[in-house]
Amino acid sequence: MHELNVSLEHHLLEVLNALLTILPDDLAAELSAFISSSSSSSSSTLIPYYILLKISQWSRSPAGLKALQSSSLDPQSYSMVSLLAGTRTSPEKKFPAYVAKDPETERRQAANDKKAVSTVVNGVLSVAGTGFATWWASERAGMRLEWRALFATSVALVVALAEIILYMIWDSRRSTKKTERAPRILSRNEKLVEDSDKADIVDATAASSSADPHHSALRQRLVQSASIPHDTLQE
């Protein structure tokens, strides 16, 4: 926590300046080191988070409340929410931009999340609709109020149990597809590597054949014999 800094904004500086004369000596010395350096520098300065935490804890103590009230200062202005309002945490650190590892995977994950939410919403609507329909139908059947409530609740519970079972089956199948997707990608990559190796071998063989005049003459002779009609060979 001592390594965490907060930007010392102008409004925060004004609030902290009013505490230098009423704070305890040790806390005032720590605070004045950062406030005095900020007044002599025009650039944005920092203040450690733990100092603000100490000030907030002191403002809630009986001695702090008494000192703030005697100086006509609002104790609520020195809570952590008020002190950190409008400030930036660790502004001196340059955090790298977020880069998605696999946009296609994230897109598929977002689609699966939407499907899961829609499935749950549809299940809730199905349970509510079934319960209401059963209540309405039981009224037309002339059933008493307590039997209508019991019948509608029982039907709604049965539908809810069925929806839960269907959702568990759907979720298990989706998890199985996720685990099987990785080996398929690997096998496809291996096939591409194997095909590229075969292409390199064929290219090397063709190059060696074209460079060897004996192979070229033999290939030309085979082509000419293949082009001669079959009847001519019989004569």
Protein backbone atom coordinates (compact mmCIF):
# COMPACT_ATOMS: atom_id res chain seq x y z
CA MET A 1 0.00 0.00 0.00
CA HIS A 2 2.99 2.33 0.58
CA GLU A 3 3.89 2.08 -3.13
CA LEU A 4 0.49 3.40 -4.26
CA ASN A 5 0.37 7.09 -5.14
CA VAL A 6 -2.49 9.49 -5.83
CA SER A 7 -2.39 12.62 -7.95
CA LEU A 8 -2.37 15.76 -5.80
CA GLU A 9 -5.02 17.86 -7.50
CA HIS A 10 -5.67 21.54 -6.74
CA HIS A 11 -8.88 20.96 -4.77
CA LEU A 12 -7.18 18.24 -2.70
CA LEU A 13 -4.26 20.55 -2.02
CA GLU A 14 -6.60 23.24 -0.66
CA VAL A 15 -8.32 20.78 1.64
CA LEU A 16 -5.02 19.42 2.98
CA ASN A 17 -3.49 22.87 3.55
CA ALA A 18 -6.13 23.59 6.14
CA LEU A 19 -4.94 20.64 8.26
CA LEU A 20 -1.30 21.60 8.77
CA THR A 21 -1.96 23.55 11.96
CA ILE A 22 -4.30 21.03 13.62
CA LEU A 23 -2.79 17.67 12.68
CA PRO A 24 -0.53 15.74 15.07
CA ASP A 25 3.14 16.64 14.70
CA ASP A 26 4.26 13.41 13.03
CA LEU A 27 1.40 13.37 10.54
CA ALA A 28 1.77 17.09 9.86
CA ALA A 29 5.47 16.59 9.10
CA GLU A 30 4.70 13.83 6.59
CA LEU A 31 1.99 15.89 4.91
CA SER A 32 4.02 19.11 4.76
CA ALA A 33 6.82 17.35 2.88
CA PHE A 34 4.50 16.75 -0.08
CA ILE A 35 2.50 19.96 0.16
CA SER A 36 5.60 22.18 0.30
CA SER A 37 7.14 20.42 -2.71
CA SER A 38 3.91 20.82 -4.66
CA SER A 39 3.74 24.55 -4.02
CA SER A 40 7.21 25.04 -5.53
CA SER A 41 6.55 22.90 -8.59
CA SER A 42 4.20 23.73 -11.44
CA SER A 43 3.90 20.13 -12.64
CA SER A 44 1.39 17.61 -11.33
CA THR A 45 2.67 16.10 -8.07
CA LEU A 46 1.83 12.97 -6.17
CA ILE A 47 0.93 12.10 -2.62
CA PRO A 48 1.13 8.61 -1.13
CA TYR A 49 -2.13 6.84 -0.52
CA TYR A 50 -1.20 5.85 3.02
CA ILE A 51 -0.96 9.51 4.09
CA LEU A 52 -4.51 10.16 2.95
CA LEU A 53 -5.57 7.00 4.76
CA LYS A 54 -3.95 8.24 7.99
CA ILE A 55 -5.68 11.61 7.63
CA SER A 56 -9.03 9.93 7.08
CA GLN A 57 -8.56 7.71 10.13
CA TRP A 58 -7.52 10.69 12.24
CA SER A 59 -10.58 12.69 11.13
CA ARG A 60 -12.85 9.93 12.47
CA SER A 61 -11.11 9.76 15.86
CA PRO A 62 -12.49 11.77 18.82
CA ALA A 63 -9.43 14.06 18.85
CA GLY A 64 -9.68 14.62 15.11
CA LEU A 65 -13.41 15.39 15.22
CA LYS A 66 -12.85 17.87 18.03
CA ALA A 67 -9.96 19.58 16.19
CA LEU A 68 -11.91 19.82 12.93
CA GLN A 69 -15.02 21.20 14.62
CA SER A 70 -12.98 23.78 16.53
CA SER A 71 -11.46 24.95 13.22
CA SER A 72 -14.89 25.04 11.52
CA LEU A 73 -13.93 22.25 9.12
CA ASP A 74 -16.33 19.59 7.87
CA PRO A 75 -15.22 16.09 8.97
CA GLN A 76 -16.99 14.58 5.96
CA SER A 77 -14.55 16.40 3.66
CA TYR A 78 -11.74 14.18 4.99
CA SER A 79 -13.28 10.78 4.38
CA MET A 80 -11.53 8.59 1.79
CA VAL A 81 -14.37 9.08 -0.68
CA SER A 82 -14.05 12.86 -0.47
CA LEU A 83 -10.25 12.88 -0.53
CA LEU A 84 -9.99 10.58 -3.55
CA ALA A 85 -12.75 12.29 -5.52
CA GLY A 86 -11.36 13.73 -8.77
CA THR A 87 -7.91 12.19 -8.33
CA ARG A 88 -6.04 9.58 -10.34
CA THR A 89 -4.42 6.47 -8.94
CA SER A 90 -0.77 5.88 -9.90
CA PRO A 91 -0.66 8.50 -12.68
CA GLU A 92 3.12 8.10 -12.98
CA LYS A 93 2.80 4.51 -14.16
CA LYS A 94 2.29 3.72 -17.82
CA PHE A 95 0.01 0.74 -18.05
CA PRO A 96 0.06 -1.13 -21.37
CA ALA A 97 -3.01 -1.04 -23.54
CA TYR A 98 -5.24 -4.06 -23.40
CA VAL A 99 -4.74 -6.35 -26.37
CA ALA A 100 -7.18 -9.17 -26.96
CA LYS A 101 -5.44 -12.51 -27.23
CA ASP A 102 -7.99 -13.98 -29.60
CA PRO A 103 -10.82 -11.73 -30.87
CA GLU A 104 -12.67 -14.71 -32.29
CA THR A 105 -12.66 -16.45 -28.90
CA GLU A 106 -13.92 -13.33 -27.15
CA ARG A 107 -16.65 -12.87 -29.75
CA ARG A 108 -17.72 -16.49 -29.28
CA GLN A 109 -17.66 -16.07 -25.50
CA ALA A 110 -19.86 -12.96 -25.71
CA ALA A 111 -22.33 -14.82 -27.94
CA ASN A 112 -22.43 -17.73 -25.49
CA ASP A 113 -23.06 -15.34 -22.60
CA LYS A 114 -25.98 -13.75 -24.46
CA LYS A 115 -27.42 -17.18 -25.18
CA ALA A 116 -27.11 -18.13 -21.51
CA VAL A 117 -28.86 -14.94 -20.37
CA SER A 118 -31.65 -15.36 -22.91
CA THR A 119 -32.09 -19.00 -21.87
CA VAL A 120 -32.45 -18.05 -18.21
CA VAL A 121 -34.90 -15.24 -19.02
CA ASN A 122 -36.97 -17.57 -21.20
CA GLY A 123 -37.04 -20.13 -18.41
CA VAL A 124 -38.25 -17.57 -15.86
CA LEU A 125 -40.95 -16.33 -18.24
CA SER A 126 -42.02 -19.91 -18.93
CA VAL A 127 -42.39 -20.66 -15.23
CA ALA A 128 -44.31 -17.44 -14.56
CA GLY A 129 -46.53 -17.90 -17.60
CA THR A 130 -47.32 -21.50 -16.74
CA GLY A 131 -48.20 -20.61 -13.17
CA PHE A 132 -50.49 -17.78 -14.27
CA ALA A 133 -52.16 -19.92 -16.93
CA THR A 134 -52.79 -22.69 -14.40
CA TRP A 135 -54.23 -20.19 -11.90
CA TRP A 136 -56.55 -18.76 -14.55
CA ALA A 137 -57.66 -22.21 -15.78
CA SER A 138 -58.34 -23.45 -12.26
CA GLU A 139 -60.60 -20.47 -11.65
CA ARG A 140 -62.71 -21.46 -14.67
CA ALA A 141 -62.84 -25.01 -13.35
CA GLY A 142 -64.52 -23.83 -10.13
CA MET A 143 -61.75 -24.90 -7.75
CA ARG A 144 -61.44 -23.35 -4.31
CA LEU A 145 -58.81 -20.66 -3.69
CA GLU A 146 -56.40 -22.81 -1.67
CA TRP A 147 -56.52 -25.63 -4.23
CA ARG A 148 -55.97 -23.18 -7.07
CA ALA A 149 -52.87 -21.78 -5.35
CA LEU A 150 -51.51 -25.24 -4.60
CA PHE A 151 -52.18 -26.47 -8.14
CA ALA A 152 -50.61 -23.42 -9.81
CA THR A 153 -47.53 -23.60 -7.55
CA SER A 154 -47.06 -27.31 -8.22
CA VAL A 155 -47.23 -26.88 -11.98
CA ALA A 156 -44.83 -23.93 -11.85
CA LEU A 157 -42.35 -25.99 -9.80
CA VAL A 158 -42.50 -28.86 -12.28
CA VAL A 159 -41.83 -26.49 -15.19
CA ALA A 160 -39.00 -24.83 -13.25
CA LEU A 161 -37.39 -28.23 -12.58
CA ALA A 162 -37.66 -29.12 -16.26
CA GLU A 163 -36.10 -25.79 -17.28
CA ILE A 164 -33.21 -26.32 -14.86
CA ILE A 165 -32.53 -29.81 -16.23
CA LEU A 166 -32.62 -28.54 -19.82
CA TYR A 167 -30.23 -25.70 -18.95
CA MET A 168 -27.80 -28.10 -17.29
CA ILE A 169 -27.83 -30.34 -20.37
CA TRP A 170 -27.26 -27.36 -22.67
CA ASP A 171 -24.44 -26.01 -20.51
CA SER A 172 -22.71 -29.42 -20.35
CA ARG A 173 -22.84 -29.77 -24.14
CA ARG A 174 -21.44 -26.27 -24.55
CA SER A 175 -18.55 -27.09 -22.18
CA THR A 176 -17.83 -30.28 -24.12
CA LYS A 177 -17.63 -28.34 -27.39
CA LYS A 178 -15.16 -25.91 -25.81
CA THR A 179 -12.84 -28.70 -24.70
CA GLU A 180 -12.99 -30.43 -28.10
CA ARG A 181 -12.28 -27.25 -30.08
CA ALA A 182 -8.57 -27.00 -29.14
CA PRO A 183 -7.45 -30.45 -30.46
CA ARG A 184 -9.19 -29.74 -33.78
CA ILE A 185 -7.25 -26.55 -34.22
CA LEU A 186 -4.01 -28.31 -33.41
CA SER A 187 -4.68 -31.12 -35.86
CA ARG A 188 -5.50 -28.60 -38.58
CA ASN A 189 -2.23 -26.79 -37.96
CA GLU A 190 -0.30 -30.04 -38.05
CA LYS A 191 -1.98 -30.92 -41.36
CA LEU A 192 -0.95 -27.57 -42.81
CA VAL A 193 2.64 -28.15 -41.72
CA GLU A 194 2.59 -31.64 -43.20
CA ASP A 195 1.18 -30.34 -46.50
CA SER A 196 3.83 -27.65 -46.68
CA ASP A 197 6.55 -30.26 -46.08
CA LYS A 198 5.16 -32.40 -48.91
CA ALA A 199 5.07 -29.38 -51.21
CA ASP A 200 8.71 -28.66 -50.41
CA ILE A 201 9.65 -32.28 -51.25
CA VAL A 202 7.80 -32.14 -54.57
CA ASP A 203 9.46 -28.85 -55.48
CA ALA A 204 12.88 -30.25 -54.63
CA THR A 205 12.24 -33.36 -56.74
CA ALA A 206 11.07 -31.29 -59.68
CA ALA A 207 14.10 -29.05 -59.42
CA SER A 208 16.49 -31.99 -59.33
CA SER A 209 14.74 -33.62 -62.32
CA SER A 210 14.94 -30.46 -64.40
CA ALA A 211 18.60 -30.07 -63.55
CA ASP A 212 19.45 -33.67 -64.61
CA PRO A 213 19.50 -34.00 -68.47
CA HIS A 214 19.05 -37.81 -68.31
CA HIS A 215 15.80 -37.41 -66.39
CA SER A 216 14.62 -34.71 -68.80
CA ALA A 217 15.28 -36.92 -71.86
CA LEU A 218 13.55 -39.87 -70.23
CA ARG A 219 10.52 -37.77 -69.37
CA GLN A 220 10.32 -36.40 -72.91
CA ARG A 221 10.53 -39.95 -74.35
CA LEU A 222 7.69 -41.12 -72.10
CA VAL A 223 5.54 -38.19 -73.17
CA GLN A 224 6.13 -38.92 -76.88
CA SER A 225 5.30 -42.62 -76.47
CA ALA A 226 2.11 -41.74 -74.65
CA SER A 227 1.05 -39.42 -77.48
CA ILE A 228 1.40 -42.20 -80.18
CA PRO A 229 -1.96 -43.85 -80.99
CA HIS A 230 -2.52 -47.43 -79.86
CA ASP A 231 -3.23 -48.68 -83.41
CA THR A 232 0.14 -47.41 -84.70
CA LEU A 233 1.96 -49.36 -82.01
CA GLN A 234 0.19 -52.58 -83.07
CA GLU A 235 1.29 -52.15 -86.73
